[in-house]
Protein backbone atom coordinates (compact mmCIF):
# COMPACT_ATOMS: atom_id res chain seq x y z
CA MET A 1 -195.30 72.61 -18.93
CA SER A 2 -193.86 76.46 -18.24
CA THR A 3 -191.42 78.57 -20.34
CA ALA A 4 -188.97 80.89 -18.47
CA THR A 5 -189.32 84.19 -20.09
CA GLN A 6 -185.90 86.17 -20.19
CA THR A 7 -185.95 89.88 -19.53
CA PRO A 8 -184.04 91.47 -22.41
CA THR A 9 -180.99 93.44 -21.10
CA PRO A 10 -180.70 97.09 -22.26
CA SER A 11 -178.40 98.01 -24.81
CA VAL A 12 -175.73 100.65 -23.36
CA VAL A 13 -175.82 104.00 -25.17
CA PRO A 14 -172.45 105.05 -25.39
CA GLN A 15 -172.06 108.76 -23.76
CA VAL A 16 -170.72 111.64 -26.13
CA PRO A 17 -168.55 113.80 -24.38
CA THR A 18 -170.25 117.43 -24.18
CA ALA A 19 -168.01 120.61 -24.82
CA PRO A 20 -167.33 122.36 -21.83
CA ALA A 21 -169.44 125.56 -21.34
CA ALA A 22 -167.93 128.63 -22.99
CA ARG A 23 -166.29 130.93 -20.31
CA HIS A 24 -167.28 134.53 -20.43
CA GLU A 25 -164.34 136.83 -19.44
CA VAL A 26 -165.17 139.54 -17.11
CA ARG A 27 -163.35 142.47 -18.26
CA PRO A 28 -163.37 145.61 -15.89
CA ILE A 29 -164.86 148.81 -16.98
CA PRO A 30 -162.44 151.49 -18.62
CA MET A 31 -161.16 153.72 -16.55
CA SER A 32 -162.29 156.58 -19.18
CA ARG A 33 -165.62 155.30 -18.72
CA LEU A 34 -165.85 155.72 -14.89
CA ALA A 35 -164.08 159.11 -15.08
CA LYS A 36 -166.91 160.35 -17.58
CA VAL A 37 -169.58 158.74 -15.20
CA GLU A 38 -167.85 160.56 -12.27
CA LEU A 39 -167.60 163.72 -13.85
CA ARG A 40 -171.53 163.57 -14.94
CA LYS A 41 -172.13 163.04 -11.28
CA MET A 42 -170.62 166.13 -10.20
CA PHE A 43 -173.16 168.15 -12.39
CA ASP A 44 -176.26 166.10 -11.94
CA THR A 45 -177.38 167.75 -9.12
CA ARG A 46 -178.50 171.29 -8.63
CA ALA A 47 -176.11 171.92 -6.01
CA GLY A 48 -173.47 170.51 -7.78
CA PHE A 49 -173.89 172.32 -10.91
CA TRP A 50 -173.76 175.89 -9.01
CA LEU A 51 -170.90 174.62 -7.09
CA MET A 52 -168.80 173.88 -10.29
CA ALA A 53 -170.05 177.27 -11.55
CA SER A 54 -169.03 178.96 -8.58
CA VAL A 55 -165.35 178.53 -9.95
CA ALA A 56 -166.10 180.94 -12.83
CA ILE A 57 -168.35 183.20 -10.49
CA VAL A 58 -165.48 183.70 -8.11
CA ALA A 59 -163.06 184.38 -10.45
CA VAL A 60 -164.88 187.07 -12.08
CA LEU A 61 -165.94 188.91 -8.87
CA ALA A 62 -162.35 188.66 -7.49
CA SER A 63 -161.24 190.33 -10.78
CA ALA A 64 -164.10 193.08 -10.47
CA ALA A 65 -162.94 193.45 -6.85
CA VAL A 66 -159.18 194.04 -7.79
CA ILE A 67 -160.45 196.32 -10.66
CA ALA A 68 -162.37 198.43 -8.34
CA TRP A 69 -160.48 198.68 -5.20
CA ALA A 70 -156.87 197.94 -5.90
CA PRO A 71 -154.25 200.79 -6.29
CA ASP A 72 -152.89 201.27 -9.67
CA GLU A 73 -149.36 199.73 -8.81
CA VAL A 74 -150.78 196.39 -8.31
CA ILE A 75 -152.85 195.95 -11.59
CA ASN A 76 -150.68 193.16 -13.03
CA GLN A 77 -151.38 189.61 -14.10
CA GLU A 78 -149.70 188.15 -10.96
CA PHE A 79 -151.72 190.20 -8.51
CA PHE A 80 -154.82 189.28 -10.43
CA SER A 81 -153.88 185.38 -10.36
CA THR A 82 -153.49 185.43 -6.27
CA ALA A 83 -156.41 187.26 -5.82
CA ILE A 84 -158.31 184.66 -7.51
CA GLY A 85 -156.69 181.83 -6.36
CA MET A 86 -157.24 182.40 -2.80
CA PRO A 87 -160.94 181.92 -2.85
CA LEU A 88 -160.61 179.10 -5.05
CA SER A 89 -158.59 177.43 -2.35
CA VAL A 90 -161.71 177.16 -0.33
CA VAL A 91 -164.12 176.61 -3.19
CA LEU A 92 -162.23 173.59 -4.57
CA PRO A 93 -161.51 171.40 -1.79
CA ILE A 94 -165.44 171.57 -0.71
CA ILE A 95 -165.82 170.03 -4.63
CA ALA A 96 -163.31 167.47 -3.77
CA ILE A 97 -164.93 166.72 -0.54
CA LEU A 98 -168.48 166.19 -1.95
CA SER A 99 -167.08 164.09 -4.72
CA ILE A 100 -166.56 161.25 -2.38
CA THR A 101 -169.06 161.94 0.46
CA SER A 102 -172.24 162.24 -2.13
CA GLU A 103 -171.95 158.62 -2.27
CA TYR A 104 -172.85 158.05 1.09
CA SER A 105 -175.01 161.15 1.81
CA GLN A 106 -177.07 160.71 -1.17
CA ARG A 107 -177.24 156.71 -0.64
CA THR A 108 -175.78 155.90 -4.15
CA GLY A 109 -172.68 154.18 -2.77
CA LEU A 110 -174.64 150.75 -2.89
CA THR A 111 -175.54 151.37 -6.64
CA THR A 112 -171.95 152.40 -7.56
CA TYR A 113 -169.79 149.60 -5.88
CA THR A 114 -172.33 147.19 -6.89
CA LEU A 115 -172.08 148.14 -10.48
CA VAL A 116 -168.31 148.49 -10.27
CA PRO A 117 -167.27 146.13 -7.38
CA TRP A 118 -163.53 147.36 -7.70
CA ARG A 119 -163.81 150.15 -5.38
CA GLY A 120 -160.23 150.99 -5.81
CA ARG A 121 -161.06 151.83 -9.50
CA VAL A 122 -163.86 153.95 -8.46
CA ILE A 123 -161.73 155.88 -6.27
CA THR A 124 -158.96 156.25 -8.81
CA ALA A 125 -161.53 157.52 -11.21
CA LYS A 126 -162.97 160.30 -8.36
CA VAL A 127 -159.22 161.33 -7.91
CA LEU A 128 -158.48 161.89 -11.54
CA VAL A 129 -161.44 163.84 -12.01
CA THR A 130 -161.05 165.86 -8.91
CA LEU A 131 -157.49 166.86 -10.08
CA ALA A 132 -158.68 167.49 -13.72
CA ILE A 133 -161.19 169.72 -12.43
CA GLY A 134 -158.65 171.64 -10.29
CA VAL A 135 -156.20 172.04 -13.15
CA VAL A 136 -158.99 173.40 -15.54
CA SER A 137 -160.14 175.91 -12.77
CA MET A 138 -156.77 177.30 -12.80
CA VAL A 139 -156.55 177.42 -16.23
CA VAL A 140 -159.88 179.27 -16.38
CA ALA A 141 -158.96 181.44 -13.51
CA LEU A 142 -155.83 182.60 -15.32
CA ALA A 143 -157.96 183.45 -18.47
CA VAL A 144 -160.59 185.54 -16.26
CA GLY A 145 -157.48 187.17 -14.41
CA ALA A 146 -155.69 188.06 -18.03
CA VAL A 147 -159.19 189.79 -18.98
CA GLY A 148 -159.16 191.41 -15.89
CA ASN A 149 -155.55 192.52 -16.16
CA VAL A 150 -156.34 194.05 -19.75
CA VAL A 151 -159.33 195.83 -18.19
CA GLY A 152 -158.10 196.90 -15.17
CA ALA A 153 -154.84 198.41 -17.11
CA ALA A 154 -156.90 200.00 -19.55
CA ILE A 155 -159.37 201.72 -17.14
CA ALA A 156 -156.13 202.87 -14.98
CA GLY A 157 -154.67 204.24 -18.11
CA LEU A 158 -151.28 201.91 -17.68
CA ASP A 159 -149.59 199.15 -19.95
CA PRO A 160 -150.78 195.41 -18.80
CA VAL A 161 -147.97 194.19 -16.97
CA TRP A 162 -147.63 190.39 -17.45
CA ASN A 163 -145.33 189.17 -14.70
CA ILE A 164 -146.64 185.80 -14.16
CA GLY A 165 -144.27 182.99 -15.33
CA VAL A 166 -144.64 179.42 -15.92
CA GLN A 167 -143.09 178.59 -12.63
CA SER A 168 -145.39 180.83 -10.59
CA PHE A 169 -148.50 179.46 -12.09
CA GLY A 170 -147.28 175.94 -11.40
CA TYR A 171 -147.01 177.00 -7.90
CA ILE A 172 -150.52 178.06 -7.51
CA VAL A 173 -151.58 175.24 -9.42
CA LEU A 174 -149.99 172.89 -6.95
CA ALA A 175 -151.00 174.66 -3.85
CA ASN A 176 -154.73 174.33 -4.88
CA ILE A 177 -154.09 170.88 -5.90
CA LEU A 178 -152.98 170.18 -2.48
CA GLY A 179 -155.97 171.71 -1.28
CA MET A 180 -158.18 169.88 -3.13
CA LEU A 181 -156.35 166.51 -1.92
CA MET A 182 -156.75 167.63 1.39
CA GLY A 183 -160.48 167.87 0.90
CA PHE A 184 -160.53 164.56 -0.61
CA MET A 185 -158.70 163.17 2.17
CA LEU A 186 -161.45 164.52 4.62
CA GLY A 187 -163.97 163.24 2.51
CA VAL A 188 -162.59 159.54 2.47
CA VAL A 189 -161.58 159.79 6.38
CA PHE A 190 -165.21 161.09 7.59
CA ARG A 191 -167.49 159.81 4.44
CA SER A 192 -170.25 162.35 5.73
CA SER A 193 -170.37 165.89 3.91
CA PRO A 194 -171.10 168.03 7.03
CA ALA A 195 -168.23 166.50 9.02
CA ALA A 196 -165.85 166.62 6.35
CA VAL A 197 -166.45 170.34 5.65
CA VAL A 198 -166.36 171.36 9.26
CA ALA A 199 -163.01 169.24 9.59
CA TYR A 200 -161.96 171.16 6.31
CA PHE A 201 -162.53 174.50 7.89
CA VAL A 202 -160.92 173.37 11.25
CA TYR A 203 -157.88 172.44 9.18
CA SER A 204 -157.61 175.55 7.12
CA LEU A 205 -158.80 178.45 9.46
CA VAL A 206 -158.75 177.09 12.94
CA LEU A 207 -155.22 175.54 13.22
CA PRO A 208 -153.19 178.04 11.22
CA GLY A 209 -154.54 180.75 13.72
CA ALA A 210 -153.82 178.44 16.67
CA PHE A 211 -150.43 177.95 15.27
CA ALA A 212 -149.55 181.62 14.38
CA ALA A 213 -150.79 182.61 17.92
CA LEU A 214 -148.60 180.23 19.53
CA ALA A 215 -145.62 180.85 17.30
CA ALA A 216 -146.03 184.61 17.97
CA PHE A 217 -145.87 183.96 22.15
CA GLN A 218 -143.78 180.96 22.20
CA GLY A 219 -140.18 181.41 20.89
CA TRP A 220 -139.72 177.76 20.76
CA PHE A 221 -142.41 177.13 18.42
CA ARG A 222 -141.55 179.74 16.13
CA ASP A 223 -138.85 177.77 14.08
CA LEU A 224 -140.94 174.52 14.46
CA GLN A 225 -144.08 175.88 12.69
CA PRO A 226 -142.91 175.41 9.18
CA TRP A 227 -142.58 171.79 9.85
CA VAL A 228 -145.87 171.12 11.44
CA ASP A 229 -148.12 173.72 10.33
CA VAL A 230 -149.05 172.24 6.62
CA ASN A 231 -151.35 175.48 5.83
CA PHE A 232 -148.07 177.82 6.30
CA ALA A 233 -146.13 175.61 4.24
CA ILE A 234 -148.63 175.61 1.43
CA THR A 235 -149.14 179.29 1.41
CA ARG A 236 -145.14 179.61 0.61
CA LEU A 237 -146.34 178.39 -2.79
CA PHE A 238 -148.37 181.41 -3.82
CA ASP A 239 -145.44 183.56 -2.77
CA ASN A 240 -143.36 182.15 -5.02
CA SER A 241 -140.31 182.03 -2.47
CA MET A 242 -139.69 178.10 -2.28
CA THR A 243 -136.26 177.17 -1.46
CA ALA A 244 -134.79 173.88 -0.72
CA GLU A 245 -135.67 173.74 2.85
CA ASN A 246 -139.40 174.82 2.16
CA TRP A 247 -139.70 172.03 -0.09
CA GLN A 248 -138.86 169.75 2.78
CA GLN A 249 -141.04 171.35 5.17
CA LEU A 250 -143.82 170.63 2.66
CA GLY A 251 -143.04 167.34 2.33
CA VAL A 252 -142.89 166.70 6.06
CA THR A 253 -146.35 168.72 6.67
CA THR A 254 -148.00 167.09 3.71
CA LEU A 255 -146.95 163.19 4.87
CA VAL A 256 -148.36 164.02 8.41
CA TRP A 257 -151.42 165.75 7.67
CA LEU A 258 -152.03 164.61 4.02
CA TRP A 259 -150.56 161.45 2.96
CA ILE A 260 -150.91 159.42 6.03
CA PRO A 261 -154.54 160.11 6.80
CA LEU A 262 -155.55 159.72 3.16
CA ALA A 263 -153.91 156.02 3.12
CA LEU A 264 -155.75 155.12 6.47
CA GLY A 265 -158.89 156.72 5.00
CA LEU A 266 -158.39 154.71 1.68
CA ARG A 267 -157.88 151.48 3.93
CA ALA A 268 -161.60 151.93 5.61
CA VAL A 269 -163.15 152.87 2.24
CA LEU A 270 -162.21 149.51 0.70
CA ARG A 271 -163.04 147.16 3.59
CA ALA A 272 -165.99 149.24 5.47
CA GLU A 273 -169.61 147.77 4.83
CA VAL A 274 -171.51 150.45 2.63
CA LYS A 275 -174.74 150.85 3.85
């Protein structure tokens, strides 16, 4: 006689619902921190340090040159500011160029855009730091020019002449800011330090000479030059002789030579693969 064995049925264990995993919200890095990092990058290398120091060095040398060789009738604050602003208009755009091209020439772009995937925020921080350096540089130049004005007047036996106002100084700052943005635009477009620097000197030296020669020998171009020559339009800011038409010419030339290429370059930076 055999007995049937019954297999015990396993008891069903009720499943306890588990709490959903906590979601960690990813917050973007504050713009102030990005700006501090970008500012530190400009001083990290030896070349970057001396390039930034060249702002004060150029201001001192230009003031010394005015004191040594300028006639007594031009020893005034406006002449010192103009003499310092002209060489700075060459140095400051190069600083702007290197602020963007260094990411590619020194191969730090992979690290930068990996730590901060939002490329637009990095570019914004670079622009803010570049513009801040331009404004601070012009304030330093104004202070050095004021010292040079006092020293030059004392050597010449004259009373210091303070003939530069807030408007004139604002025009000089605006001219240098536009120059820095021009350099930044070339850095964004070419993303190569040698190519961008060469392109800047073509912009600032070759094209103005070609336009001036064309205006001198072709009457039809003489009236057209202020509307197509961006350097000619920006130079008017140093003369403190801006009219309503001059502002229109400045707007048209910067739109063609600065803002449209900058927009195209930014679009390429935001989409191009970083190698």
